[in-house]
N, C-alpha and C. Protein backbone atom coordinates (compact mmCIF):
# COMPACT_ATOMS: atom_id res chain seq x y z
N MET A 1 18.60 -9.61 -35.89
CA MET A 1 19.32 -8.39 -35.48
C MET A 1 19.11 -8.13 -33.97
N ALA A 2 20.17 -7.93 -33.30
CA ALA A 2 20.08 -7.59 -31.81
C ALA A 2 19.31 -6.32 -31.60
N SER A 3 18.66 -6.26 -30.48
CA SER A 3 17.86 -5.00 -30.14
C SER A 3 17.90 -4.87 -28.62
N THR A 4 17.50 -3.71 -28.18
CA THR A 4 17.54 -3.41 -26.78
C THR A 4 16.13 -2.87 -26.30
N ILE A 5 15.60 -3.41 -25.24
CA ILE A 5 14.33 -2.87 -24.66
C ILE A 5 14.76 -2.04 -23.44
N THR A 6 14.34 -0.76 -23.37
CA THR A 6 14.64 0.13 -22.29
C THR A 6 13.38 0.44 -21.57
N VAL A 7 13.44 0.19 -20.23
CA VAL A 7 12.28 0.39 -19.35
C VAL A 7 12.63 1.55 -18.43
N ASP A 8 11.74 2.56 -18.27
CA ASP A 8 11.99 3.72 -17.42
C ASP A 8 10.82 3.91 -16.55
N PHE A 9 10.85 3.44 -15.32
CA PHE A 9 9.72 3.50 -14.35
C PHE A 9 9.68 4.89 -13.73
N THR A 10 10.63 5.75 -13.95
CA THR A 10 10.56 7.14 -13.44
C THR A 10 9.61 7.89 -14.24
N LYS A 11 9.20 7.43 -15.41
CA LYS A 11 8.24 8.12 -16.28
C LYS A 11 6.82 7.54 -16.22
N GLY A 12 6.68 6.42 -15.49
CA GLY A 12 5.32 5.75 -15.41
C GLY A 12 5.44 4.27 -15.35
N ILE A 13 4.31 3.61 -14.99
CA ILE A 13 4.32 2.18 -14.75
C ILE A 13 3.19 1.50 -15.55
N GLU A 14 2.63 2.27 -16.49
CA GLU A 14 1.50 1.68 -17.26
C GLU A 14 1.87 0.45 -18.00
N GLY A 15 1.01 -0.56 -17.89
CA GLY A 15 1.26 -1.86 -18.59
C GLY A 15 2.01 -2.85 -17.85
N TRP A 16 2.50 -2.51 -16.67
CA TRP A 16 3.29 -3.36 -15.80
C TRP A 16 2.40 -3.83 -14.60
N THR A 17 2.15 -5.14 -14.58
CA THR A 17 1.22 -5.70 -13.67
C THR A 17 2.03 -6.38 -12.49
N PRO A 18 1.72 -5.99 -11.20
CA PRO A 18 2.40 -6.55 -10.06
C PRO A 18 1.82 -7.87 -9.63
N GLY A 19 2.55 -8.66 -8.90
CA GLY A 19 2.12 -9.87 -8.34
C GLY A 19 3.06 -10.39 -7.24
N VAL A 20 2.60 -11.46 -6.55
CA VAL A 20 3.48 -12.14 -5.57
C VAL A 20 3.39 -13.65 -5.83
N ALA A 21 4.39 -14.36 -5.34
CA ALA A 21 4.45 -15.89 -5.58
C ALA A 21 5.34 -16.44 -4.50
N ASP A 22 5.43 -17.74 -4.51
CA ASP A 22 6.30 -18.57 -3.57
C ASP A 22 5.82 -18.49 -2.12
N TYR A 23 4.52 -18.89 -1.97
CA TYR A 23 3.97 -18.94 -0.60
C TYR A 23 2.84 -20.00 -0.58
N GLY A 24 2.35 -20.29 0.60
CA GLY A 24 1.24 -21.16 0.83
C GLY A 24 0.11 -20.45 1.54
N ASP A 25 -1.02 -21.11 1.65
CA ASP A 25 -2.21 -20.46 2.30
C ASP A 25 -1.92 -20.01 3.73
N PRO A 26 -1.19 -20.79 4.51
CA PRO A 26 -0.97 -20.46 5.95
C PRO A 26 -0.01 -19.21 6.03
N ASP A 27 0.83 -19.00 5.02
CA ASP A 27 1.76 -17.93 5.14
C ASP A 27 1.68 -16.94 4.01
N GLU A 28 0.47 -16.71 3.52
CA GLU A 28 0.32 -15.73 2.46
C GLU A 28 0.90 -14.40 2.84
N PRO A 29 1.67 -13.76 1.98
CA PRO A 29 2.27 -12.51 2.35
C PRO A 29 1.24 -11.42 2.64
N SER A 30 1.57 -10.50 3.48
CA SER A 30 0.67 -9.41 3.95
C SER A 30 1.33 -8.10 3.64
N GLU A 31 0.67 -7.04 3.90
CA GLU A 31 1.12 -5.64 3.72
C GLU A 31 1.66 -5.38 2.39
N THR A 32 1.04 -6.05 1.34
CA THR A 32 1.44 -5.80 -0.01
C THR A 32 0.97 -4.44 -0.52
N GLY A 33 1.81 -3.79 -1.28
CA GLY A 33 1.46 -2.51 -1.83
C GLY A 33 2.22 -2.22 -3.08
N TYR A 34 1.62 -1.51 -4.00
CA TYR A 34 2.21 -1.24 -5.30
C TYR A 34 1.75 0.18 -5.74
N GLY A 35 2.52 0.83 -6.50
CA GLY A 35 2.15 2.10 -7.08
C GLY A 35 3.26 2.98 -7.60
N TRP A 36 2.91 4.00 -8.39
CA TRP A 36 3.96 4.92 -8.88
C TRP A 36 4.02 6.03 -7.79
N SER A 37 5.17 6.08 -7.09
CA SER A 37 5.25 6.96 -5.92
C SER A 37 6.51 7.79 -5.97
N LYS A 38 6.45 8.86 -5.21
CA LYS A 38 7.63 9.76 -5.04
C LYS A 38 8.75 9.03 -4.30
N LEU A 39 10.02 9.21 -4.82
CA LEU A 39 11.12 8.57 -4.18
C LEU A 39 11.50 9.30 -2.92
N PRO A 40 11.96 8.57 -1.90
CA PRO A 40 12.43 9.26 -0.67
C PRO A 40 13.66 10.05 -0.88
N ALA A 41 13.88 11.18 -0.13
CA ALA A 41 15.10 12.01 -0.15
C ALA A 41 16.30 11.10 0.26
N PRO A 42 17.44 11.33 -0.33
CA PRO A 42 17.86 12.39 -1.21
C PRO A 42 17.51 12.09 -2.74
N LEU A 43 16.86 11.02 -2.97
CA LEU A 43 16.56 10.73 -4.34
C LEU A 43 15.41 11.63 -4.84
N GLU A 44 15.40 11.88 -6.13
CA GLU A 44 14.36 12.70 -6.66
C GLU A 44 13.51 11.98 -7.80
N GLY A 45 12.34 12.43 -7.98
CA GLY A 45 11.47 11.87 -9.02
C GLY A 45 10.58 10.78 -8.48
N LYS A 46 10.09 9.88 -9.32
CA LYS A 46 9.21 8.84 -8.94
C LYS A 46 9.71 7.46 -9.40
N GLY A 47 9.15 6.39 -8.84
CA GLY A 47 9.52 5.02 -9.23
C GLY A 47 8.34 4.10 -8.93
N TYR A 48 8.58 2.85 -9.32
CA TYR A 48 7.55 1.88 -9.09
C TYR A 48 7.76 1.25 -7.66
N PHE A 49 6.85 1.71 -6.77
CA PHE A 49 6.99 1.25 -5.35
C PHE A 49 6.40 -0.12 -5.12
N LEU A 50 7.15 -0.96 -4.43
CA LEU A 50 6.68 -2.32 -4.09
C LEU A 50 6.96 -2.65 -2.71
N THR A 51 5.99 -3.22 -1.93
CA THR A 51 6.31 -3.57 -0.57
C THR A 51 5.53 -4.83 -0.26
N VAL A 52 6.12 -5.69 0.59
CA VAL A 52 5.44 -6.92 1.06
C VAL A 52 6.07 -7.37 2.34
N HIS A 53 5.22 -7.97 3.21
CA HIS A 53 5.74 -8.59 4.45
C HIS A 53 5.79 -10.13 4.21
N ASN A 54 7.03 -10.66 4.30
CA ASN A 54 7.24 -12.06 4.10
C ASN A 54 6.91 -12.86 5.43
N ASN A 55 5.83 -13.65 5.33
CA ASN A 55 5.40 -14.34 6.51
C ASN A 55 5.93 -15.76 6.56
N SER A 56 6.88 -16.12 5.69
CA SER A 56 7.53 -17.39 5.74
C SER A 56 9.01 -17.12 5.47
N ASP A 57 9.72 -18.02 4.90
CA ASP A 57 11.11 -17.76 4.55
C ASP A 57 11.28 -17.55 3.06
N ASP A 58 10.20 -17.25 2.42
CA ASP A 58 10.31 -17.12 0.88
C ASP A 58 9.13 -16.38 0.34
N VAL A 59 9.36 -15.33 -0.43
CA VAL A 59 8.25 -14.69 -1.18
C VAL A 59 8.90 -13.98 -2.37
N LEU A 60 8.25 -13.96 -3.52
CA LEU A 60 8.71 -13.34 -4.72
C LEU A 60 7.73 -12.21 -5.03
N THR A 61 8.24 -11.02 -5.07
CA THR A 61 7.50 -9.84 -5.49
C THR A 61 7.92 -9.49 -6.90
N TYR A 62 6.93 -9.35 -7.84
CA TYR A 62 7.34 -9.11 -9.24
C TYR A 62 6.39 -8.21 -9.99
N VAL A 63 6.91 -7.73 -11.15
CA VAL A 63 6.03 -7.00 -12.08
C VAL A 63 6.31 -7.66 -13.46
N LYS A 64 5.28 -7.69 -14.26
CA LYS A 64 5.39 -8.29 -15.60
C LYS A 64 4.85 -7.41 -16.65
N HIS A 65 5.34 -7.62 -17.91
CA HIS A 65 4.87 -6.80 -18.99
C HIS A 65 5.09 -7.56 -20.30
N GLN A 66 4.20 -7.45 -21.24
CA GLN A 66 4.32 -8.00 -22.55
C GLN A 66 4.83 -7.06 -23.57
N VAL A 67 5.80 -7.52 -24.33
CA VAL A 67 6.43 -6.64 -25.46
C VAL A 67 6.27 -7.41 -26.78
N GLY A 68 6.13 -6.60 -27.81
CA GLY A 68 5.96 -7.19 -29.14
C GLY A 68 7.08 -6.73 -30.12
N GLY A 69 6.82 -7.02 -31.36
CA GLY A 69 7.69 -6.60 -32.47
C GLY A 69 8.72 -7.60 -32.80
N PHE A 70 8.49 -8.91 -32.39
CA PHE A 70 9.46 -9.95 -32.73
C PHE A 70 8.88 -10.87 -33.80
N ALA A 71 9.68 -11.69 -34.34
CA ALA A 71 9.26 -12.63 -35.32
C ALA A 71 8.45 -13.75 -34.63
N PRO A 72 7.25 -14.03 -35.14
CA PRO A 72 6.41 -15.04 -34.54
C PRO A 72 7.18 -16.41 -34.50
N GLY A 73 7.16 -17.11 -33.31
CA GLY A 73 7.80 -18.38 -33.09
C GLY A 73 9.32 -18.35 -33.15
N ALA A 74 9.91 -17.20 -33.24
CA ALA A 74 11.40 -17.13 -33.25
C ALA A 74 12.03 -17.23 -31.87
N LYS A 75 13.25 -17.71 -31.79
CA LYS A 75 13.90 -17.88 -30.54
C LYS A 75 14.92 -16.77 -30.30
N TYR A 76 14.99 -16.27 -29.04
CA TYR A 76 15.81 -15.23 -28.69
C TYR A 76 16.53 -15.50 -27.37
N ASN A 77 17.61 -14.80 -27.11
CA ASN A 77 18.39 -14.85 -25.86
C ASN A 77 18.26 -13.43 -25.23
N LEU A 78 17.74 -13.34 -24.02
CA LEU A 78 17.56 -12.09 -23.33
C LEU A 78 18.52 -11.98 -22.14
N SER A 79 19.14 -10.88 -21.97
CA SER A 79 19.95 -10.60 -20.76
C SER A 79 19.55 -9.29 -20.19
N PHE A 80 19.55 -9.19 -18.84
CA PHE A 80 18.87 -8.13 -18.10
C PHE A 80 19.86 -7.31 -17.25
N SER A 81 19.57 -6.07 -17.06
CA SER A 81 20.04 -5.26 -16.01
C SER A 81 18.85 -4.47 -15.33
N MET A 82 18.92 -4.26 -14.10
CA MET A 82 17.82 -3.65 -13.36
C MET A 82 18.38 -2.53 -12.46
N THR A 83 17.69 -1.35 -12.42
CA THR A 83 18.12 -0.29 -11.52
C THR A 83 16.95 -0.05 -10.52
N TYR A 84 17.33 0.05 -9.24
CA TYR A 84 16.26 0.17 -8.18
C TYR A 84 16.80 1.06 -7.06
N ALA A 85 15.90 1.39 -6.15
CA ALA A 85 16.26 2.15 -5.00
C ALA A 85 15.87 1.41 -3.71
N THR A 86 16.75 1.43 -2.67
CA THR A 86 16.50 0.72 -1.44
C THR A 86 17.20 1.44 -0.28
N ASP A 87 16.77 1.11 0.94
CA ASP A 87 17.52 1.60 2.17
C ASP A 87 18.07 0.41 2.85
N ALA A 88 18.23 -0.73 2.22
CA ALA A 88 18.84 -1.91 2.75
C ALA A 88 20.32 -1.90 2.61
N SER A 89 21.04 -2.14 3.71
CA SER A 89 22.49 -2.22 3.64
C SER A 89 22.94 -3.61 3.29
N ALA A 90 24.15 -3.69 2.70
CA ALA A 90 24.68 -5.03 2.38
C ALA A 90 25.45 -5.63 3.55
N ASP A 91 25.49 -4.89 4.64
CA ASP A 91 26.46 -5.27 5.77
C ASP A 91 25.80 -5.55 7.08
N CYS A 92 24.45 -5.86 7.04
CA CYS A 92 23.68 -5.91 8.33
C CYS A 92 22.90 -7.22 8.51
N ALA A 93 22.70 -7.70 9.70
CA ALA A 93 21.89 -8.87 9.96
C ALA A 93 20.47 -8.42 10.08
N GLY A 94 19.55 -9.38 10.17
CA GLY A 94 18.11 -8.95 10.24
C GLY A 94 17.28 -10.19 10.72
N VAL A 95 15.95 -10.00 10.73
CA VAL A 95 14.97 -10.98 11.20
C VAL A 95 14.98 -12.19 10.21
N GLY A 96 15.26 -13.32 10.70
CA GLY A 96 15.23 -14.49 9.81
C GLY A 96 16.13 -14.38 8.63
N GLY A 97 17.24 -13.66 8.78
CA GLY A 97 18.17 -13.44 7.69
C GLY A 97 18.54 -11.93 7.58
N SER A 98 19.32 -11.62 6.58
CA SER A 98 19.78 -10.27 6.33
C SER A 98 18.96 -9.76 5.15
N ARG A 99 18.31 -8.62 5.37
CA ARG A 99 17.53 -7.95 4.31
C ARG A 99 18.34 -7.65 3.04
N GLY A 100 19.54 -7.14 3.31
CA GLY A 100 20.35 -6.79 2.16
C GLY A 100 20.98 -7.96 1.43
N ASN A 101 21.25 -9.02 2.15
CA ASN A 101 21.93 -10.21 1.57
C ASN A 101 21.07 -11.36 1.22
N ASP A 102 19.86 -11.39 1.77
CA ASP A 102 18.95 -12.50 1.59
C ASP A 102 17.75 -12.15 0.69
N ILE A 103 17.79 -11.04 0.05
CA ILE A 103 16.81 -10.64 -0.98
C ILE A 103 17.58 -10.55 -2.27
N PHE A 104 17.03 -11.30 -3.30
CA PHE A 104 17.78 -11.36 -4.57
C PHE A 104 16.93 -10.65 -5.65
N MET A 105 17.66 -9.76 -6.44
CA MET A 105 17.02 -9.17 -7.58
C MET A 105 17.00 -10.13 -8.78
N VAL A 106 15.89 -10.32 -9.38
CA VAL A 106 15.76 -11.39 -10.37
C VAL A 106 15.02 -10.85 -11.64
N ALA A 107 15.19 -11.63 -12.75
CA ALA A 107 14.50 -11.27 -13.92
C ALA A 107 14.22 -12.62 -14.65
N ALA A 108 13.10 -12.59 -15.43
CA ALA A 108 12.65 -13.76 -16.13
C ALA A 108 12.02 -13.38 -17.36
N ALA A 109 11.85 -14.35 -18.28
CA ALA A 109 11.24 -14.13 -19.62
C ALA A 109 10.49 -15.42 -20.04
N ALA A 110 9.36 -15.22 -20.87
CA ALA A 110 8.65 -16.37 -21.28
C ALA A 110 7.77 -15.94 -22.48
N GLY A 111 7.35 -16.94 -23.32
CA GLY A 111 6.46 -16.60 -24.37
C GLY A 111 5.00 -16.58 -23.90
N ASP A 112 4.69 -17.40 -22.93
CA ASP A 112 3.35 -17.43 -22.34
C ASP A 112 3.31 -16.46 -21.17
N GLU A 113 2.09 -15.95 -20.79
CA GLU A 113 2.01 -15.01 -19.75
C GLU A 113 2.43 -15.66 -18.33
N PRO A 114 3.26 -15.03 -17.65
CA PRO A 114 3.56 -15.52 -16.30
C PRO A 114 2.44 -15.28 -15.33
N LYS A 115 2.04 -16.31 -14.57
CA LYS A 115 0.90 -16.11 -13.64
C LYS A 115 1.34 -16.90 -12.36
N THR A 116 0.80 -16.44 -11.22
CA THR A 116 0.91 -17.13 -9.92
C THR A 116 -0.12 -18.24 -9.95
N VAL A 117 0.31 -19.52 -9.85
CA VAL A 117 -0.56 -20.64 -9.88
C VAL A 117 -0.36 -21.52 -8.68
N LYS A 118 -1.47 -22.07 -8.10
CA LYS A 118 -1.35 -22.95 -7.05
C LYS A 118 -0.88 -24.34 -7.54
N GLN A 119 0.17 -24.88 -6.93
CA GLN A 119 0.78 -26.11 -7.34
C GLN A 119 0.16 -27.29 -6.57
N ALA A 120 0.53 -28.52 -6.98
CA ALA A 120 0.01 -29.70 -6.30
C ALA A 120 0.37 -29.77 -4.87
N ASP A 121 1.50 -29.16 -4.47
CA ASP A 121 1.93 -29.23 -3.03
C ASP A 121 1.23 -28.06 -2.20
N GLY A 122 0.36 -27.34 -2.82
CA GLY A 122 -0.38 -26.23 -2.14
C GLY A 122 0.38 -24.87 -2.14
N ARG A 123 1.55 -24.83 -2.69
CA ARG A 123 2.27 -23.61 -2.79
C ARG A 123 1.92 -22.83 -4.04
N TYR A 124 1.90 -21.58 -3.99
CA TYR A 124 1.63 -20.64 -5.16
C TYR A 124 2.96 -20.14 -5.75
N ARG A 125 3.20 -20.60 -7.02
CA ARG A 125 4.43 -20.22 -7.73
C ARG A 125 4.12 -19.72 -9.07
N LEU A 126 5.16 -19.06 -9.70
CA LEU A 126 4.96 -18.63 -11.07
C LEU A 126 4.94 -19.96 -11.95
N ASN A 127 4.19 -19.77 -13.01
CA ASN A 127 4.09 -20.95 -14.01
C ASN A 127 5.21 -20.92 -14.93
N LEU A 128 6.48 -20.62 -14.47
CA LEU A 128 7.67 -20.71 -15.32
C LEU A 128 8.83 -21.06 -14.33
N ASP A 129 9.90 -21.51 -14.91
CA ASP A 129 11.05 -21.89 -14.08
C ASP A 129 11.94 -20.72 -13.81
N ARG A 130 11.60 -19.90 -12.86
CA ARG A 130 12.33 -18.71 -12.43
C ARG A 130 13.56 -19.14 -11.64
N GLY A 131 13.46 -20.23 -10.89
CA GLY A 131 14.41 -20.64 -9.92
C GLY A 131 13.89 -20.24 -8.55
N ASN A 132 14.72 -20.13 -7.51
CA ASN A 132 14.22 -19.75 -6.21
C ASN A 132 15.32 -19.15 -5.45
N ASN A 133 15.14 -17.97 -4.82
CA ASN A 133 16.04 -17.27 -4.08
C ASN A 133 17.36 -17.04 -4.88
N ALA A 134 18.51 -17.55 -4.38
CA ALA A 134 19.78 -17.36 -5.08
C ALA A 134 19.95 -18.29 -6.30
N GLU A 135 19.05 -19.29 -6.43
CA GLU A 135 19.26 -20.26 -7.52
C GLU A 135 18.57 -19.83 -8.84
N PRO A 136 19.20 -19.73 -9.90
CA PRO A 136 18.53 -19.42 -11.17
C PRO A 136 17.78 -20.60 -11.72
N GLY A 137 16.82 -20.31 -12.69
CA GLY A 137 16.17 -21.38 -13.38
C GLY A 137 16.38 -21.28 -14.85
N THR A 138 15.64 -22.06 -15.64
CA THR A 138 15.87 -22.03 -17.09
C THR A 138 15.29 -20.88 -17.71
N GLN A 139 14.32 -20.24 -17.04
CA GLN A 139 13.64 -19.08 -17.54
C GLN A 139 13.87 -17.81 -16.70
N GLY A 140 14.81 -17.89 -15.74
CA GLY A 140 15.05 -16.75 -14.91
C GLY A 140 16.47 -16.66 -14.41
N LYS A 141 16.99 -15.48 -14.15
CA LYS A 141 18.33 -15.37 -13.64
C LYS A 141 18.33 -14.39 -12.42
N VAL A 142 19.38 -14.64 -11.63
CA VAL A 142 19.60 -13.77 -10.42
C VAL A 142 20.57 -12.67 -10.86
N LEU A 143 20.15 -11.41 -10.63
CA LEU A 143 20.98 -10.24 -11.07
C LEU A 143 21.93 -9.78 -9.97
N GLY A 144 21.62 -10.09 -8.76
CA GLY A 144 22.49 -9.72 -7.60
C GLY A 144 21.65 -9.56 -6.35
N ARG A 145 22.28 -9.10 -5.23
CA ARG A 145 21.59 -9.01 -4.01
C ARG A 145 21.06 -7.55 -3.82
N LEU A 146 20.05 -7.39 -2.98
CA LEU A 146 19.36 -6.09 -2.84
C LEU A 146 20.31 -5.06 -2.20
N GLY A 147 21.07 -5.45 -1.14
CA GLY A 147 21.73 -4.49 -0.29
C GLY A 147 22.79 -3.68 -1.00
N ILE A 148 23.00 -2.39 -0.54
CA ILE A 148 23.97 -1.50 -0.98
C ILE A 148 25.00 -1.24 0.10
N GLU A 149 26.24 -1.42 -0.22
CA GLU A 149 27.34 -1.23 0.73
C GLU A 149 27.36 0.22 1.22
N GLY A 150 27.60 0.47 2.51
CA GLY A 150 27.72 1.81 3.03
C GLY A 150 26.49 2.44 3.60
N LEU A 151 25.38 1.81 3.32
CA LEU A 151 24.13 2.31 4.01
C LEU A 151 24.05 1.80 5.47
N GLY A 152 23.39 2.68 6.28
CA GLY A 152 23.25 2.27 7.66
C GLY A 152 22.33 1.09 7.92
N CYS A 153 22.52 0.46 9.08
CA CYS A 153 21.67 -0.74 9.45
C CYS A 153 20.29 -0.41 9.93
N ASN A 154 20.04 0.84 10.23
CA ASN A 154 18.69 1.25 10.78
C ASN A 154 17.68 1.60 9.71
N GLY A 155 18.11 1.58 8.43
CA GLY A 155 17.21 1.99 7.34
C GLY A 155 16.99 3.49 7.31
N GLY A 156 16.18 3.93 6.30
CA GLY A 156 15.92 5.33 6.07
C GLY A 156 16.88 6.09 5.27
N GLU A 157 17.96 5.49 4.96
CA GLU A 157 19.03 6.18 4.16
C GLU A 157 18.92 5.48 2.75
N TRP A 158 18.39 6.22 1.78
CA TRP A 158 18.08 5.67 0.46
C TRP A 158 19.18 5.95 -0.55
N ALA A 159 19.34 4.92 -1.42
CA ALA A 159 20.28 5.04 -2.54
C ALA A 159 19.82 4.15 -3.69
N GLN A 160 20.39 4.31 -4.79
CA GLN A 160 20.03 3.48 -5.96
C GLN A 160 21.23 2.62 -6.42
N ALA A 161 20.91 1.52 -7.08
CA ALA A 161 21.95 0.62 -7.55
C ALA A 161 21.43 -0.06 -8.78
N THR A 162 22.41 -0.65 -9.53
CA THR A 162 22.02 -1.42 -10.71
C THR A 162 22.63 -2.80 -10.54
N ARG A 163 21.82 -3.85 -10.85
CA ARG A 163 22.29 -5.21 -10.81
C ARG A 163 22.11 -5.83 -12.22
N ALA A 164 23.01 -6.68 -12.64
CA ALA A 164 22.89 -7.23 -14.00
C ALA A 164 23.46 -8.63 -14.07
N SER A 165 23.06 -9.31 -15.03
CA SER A 165 23.63 -10.67 -15.36
C SER A 165 23.84 -10.80 -16.86
N THR A 166 24.98 -11.35 -17.24
CA THR A 166 25.34 -11.57 -18.56
C THR A 166 24.81 -12.95 -19.11
N GLU A 167 24.28 -13.74 -18.15
CA GLU A 167 23.69 -15.02 -18.52
C GLU A 167 22.37 -14.78 -19.26
N ALA A 168 22.23 -15.28 -20.42
CA ALA A 168 21.00 -15.12 -21.23
C ALA A 168 19.94 -16.03 -20.87
N ILE A 169 18.74 -15.61 -20.98
CA ILE A 169 17.49 -16.39 -20.83
C ILE A 169 16.97 -16.68 -22.21
N PRO A 170 16.83 -17.98 -22.65
CA PRO A 170 16.29 -18.35 -23.88
C PRO A 170 14.77 -18.22 -23.84
N VAL A 171 14.14 -17.68 -24.96
CA VAL A 171 12.69 -17.48 -24.92
C VAL A 171 12.25 -17.56 -26.39
N THR A 172 11.08 -18.12 -26.58
CA THR A 172 10.44 -18.25 -27.91
C THR A 172 9.25 -17.27 -27.94
N ALA A 173 9.26 -16.29 -28.96
CA ALA A 173 8.13 -15.45 -29.11
C ALA A 173 6.83 -16.25 -29.50
N ASP A 174 5.68 -15.74 -29.04
CA ASP A 174 4.44 -16.48 -29.36
C ASP A 174 4.01 -16.20 -30.80
N LYS A 175 2.85 -16.67 -31.20
CA LYS A 175 2.42 -16.67 -32.59
C LYS A 175 2.19 -15.24 -33.15
N ASP A 176 2.12 -14.30 -32.16
CA ASP A 176 1.92 -12.87 -32.54
C ASP A 176 3.22 -12.13 -32.44
N GLY A 177 4.29 -12.78 -32.19
CA GLY A 177 5.63 -12.06 -32.14
C GLY A 177 5.77 -11.37 -30.82
N LYS A 178 5.15 -11.84 -29.69
CA LYS A 178 5.27 -11.18 -28.42
C LYS A 178 5.86 -12.15 -27.41
N LEU A 179 6.41 -11.51 -26.35
CA LEU A 179 6.93 -12.28 -25.23
C LEU A 179 6.78 -11.42 -23.92
N TRP A 180 6.94 -12.09 -22.85
CA TRP A 180 6.73 -11.49 -21.48
C TRP A 180 8.15 -11.38 -20.76
N ILE A 181 8.25 -10.19 -20.09
CA ILE A 181 9.42 -10.03 -19.23
C ILE A 181 8.95 -9.82 -17.79
N VAL A 182 9.76 -10.33 -16.87
CA VAL A 182 9.45 -10.20 -15.43
C VAL A 182 10.68 -9.67 -14.72
N LEU A 183 10.35 -8.64 -13.79
CA LEU A 183 11.40 -8.11 -12.89
C LEU A 183 10.91 -8.29 -11.47
N GLY A 184 11.79 -8.60 -10.55
CA GLY A 184 11.33 -8.75 -9.18
C GLY A 184 12.44 -8.87 -8.12
N ALA A 185 11.98 -9.18 -6.93
CA ALA A 185 12.80 -9.43 -5.75
C ALA A 185 12.36 -10.67 -5.11
N ASP A 186 13.24 -11.61 -4.94
CA ASP A 186 12.95 -12.90 -4.29
C ASP A 186 13.53 -12.92 -2.88
N SER A 187 12.71 -12.95 -1.83
CA SER A 187 13.10 -12.61 -0.49
C SER A 187 13.13 -13.88 0.38
N GLY A 188 14.24 -14.02 1.08
CA GLY A 188 14.39 -14.97 2.14
C GLY A 188 14.41 -14.29 3.50
N TYR A 189 14.07 -12.96 3.46
CA TYR A 189 14.11 -12.14 4.65
C TYR A 189 12.73 -12.13 5.33
N GLU A 190 12.56 -12.54 6.52
CA GLU A 190 11.20 -12.77 7.12
C GLU A 190 10.67 -11.53 7.82
N ALA A 191 10.49 -10.54 6.99
CA ALA A 191 9.91 -9.26 7.48
C ALA A 191 9.46 -8.39 6.31
N THR A 192 9.28 -7.10 6.49
CA THR A 192 8.80 -6.28 5.41
C THR A 192 9.99 -5.71 4.62
N ASN A 193 9.81 -5.72 3.33
CA ASN A 193 10.78 -5.10 2.40
C ASN A 193 10.00 -4.15 1.48
N ALA A 194 10.42 -2.86 1.47
CA ALA A 194 9.86 -1.87 0.62
C ALA A 194 11.02 -1.39 -0.28
N TRP A 195 10.74 -1.17 -1.61
CA TRP A 195 11.76 -0.81 -2.48
C TRP A 195 11.08 -0.09 -3.78
N PHE A 196 11.92 0.46 -4.58
CA PHE A 196 11.40 1.06 -5.81
C PHE A 196 12.18 0.53 -7.08
N LEU A 197 11.42 0.14 -8.05
CA LEU A 197 12.02 -0.18 -9.37
C LEU A 197 12.20 1.14 -10.06
N LEU A 198 13.31 1.39 -10.65
CA LEU A 198 13.55 2.63 -11.41
C LEU A 198 13.65 2.40 -12.93
N GLY A 199 14.14 1.27 -13.28
CA GLY A 199 14.27 1.00 -14.73
C GLY A 199 14.99 -0.31 -15.01
N ALA A 200 15.04 -0.64 -16.30
CA ALA A 200 15.67 -1.90 -16.61
C ALA A 200 16.12 -1.82 -18.12
N THR A 201 17.14 -2.58 -18.50
CA THR A 201 17.60 -2.70 -19.88
C THR A 201 17.64 -4.16 -20.20
N VAL A 202 17.06 -4.57 -21.34
CA VAL A 202 16.98 -5.93 -21.77
C VAL A 202 17.63 -6.03 -23.08
N GLN A 203 18.72 -6.77 -23.30
CA GLN A 203 19.41 -7.02 -24.41
C GLN A 203 18.80 -8.23 -25.11
N VAL A 204 18.35 -8.12 -26.38
CA VAL A 204 17.66 -9.18 -27.10
C VAL A 204 18.50 -9.57 -28.29
N LYS A 205 18.92 -10.84 -28.35
CA LYS A 205 19.71 -11.32 -29.48
C LYS A 205 19.03 -12.57 -30.09
N PRO A 206 18.84 -12.61 -31.36
CA PRO A 206 18.31 -13.86 -32.05
C PRO A 206 19.21 -14.97 -31.78
N GLN A 207 18.69 -16.21 -31.61
CA GLN A 207 19.47 -17.38 -31.42
C GLN A 207 19.98 -17.83 -32.80
């Protein structure tokens, strides 16, 4: 039977663990920060604040959470929508790319816990096939670009948006009937990006 997982970060972030990936030792991201914080005006309430400075041309900022209640070893298809707040415009250029157009909102799912792991080439990546930047993977999809049309190029003007993908991610629940979901932003913008996760909806359908 199909089901829906509803995530509301305006009510709290307990159980959601943050992380970063897609970098090497020489260009490890800096200025990382996470927390449940007040939203900038004119928005009201709180959200999951995430910030990172991209010291290369690629960094993934993500949060992960394990959910249960599924049949052990059963196969499911998951599709995601994500709501967030940003002051990045969809219409502006930037350092090493466009913040609004070169940061991609992404989601992933797996039976095993997603972790940032050092690879043979020295890069730190998630231990699942999320894809990279605008390219999807077998365990991850791109929901859309960060930028919101109509915002100014100088930042400071905040708004919220929802991005979604109808492409399903196949995942197999573990022996305890649990699986992991990942929400994040994959950045090709070579500077600082700060944003707020507000919520997500995950549609779960048995295969």
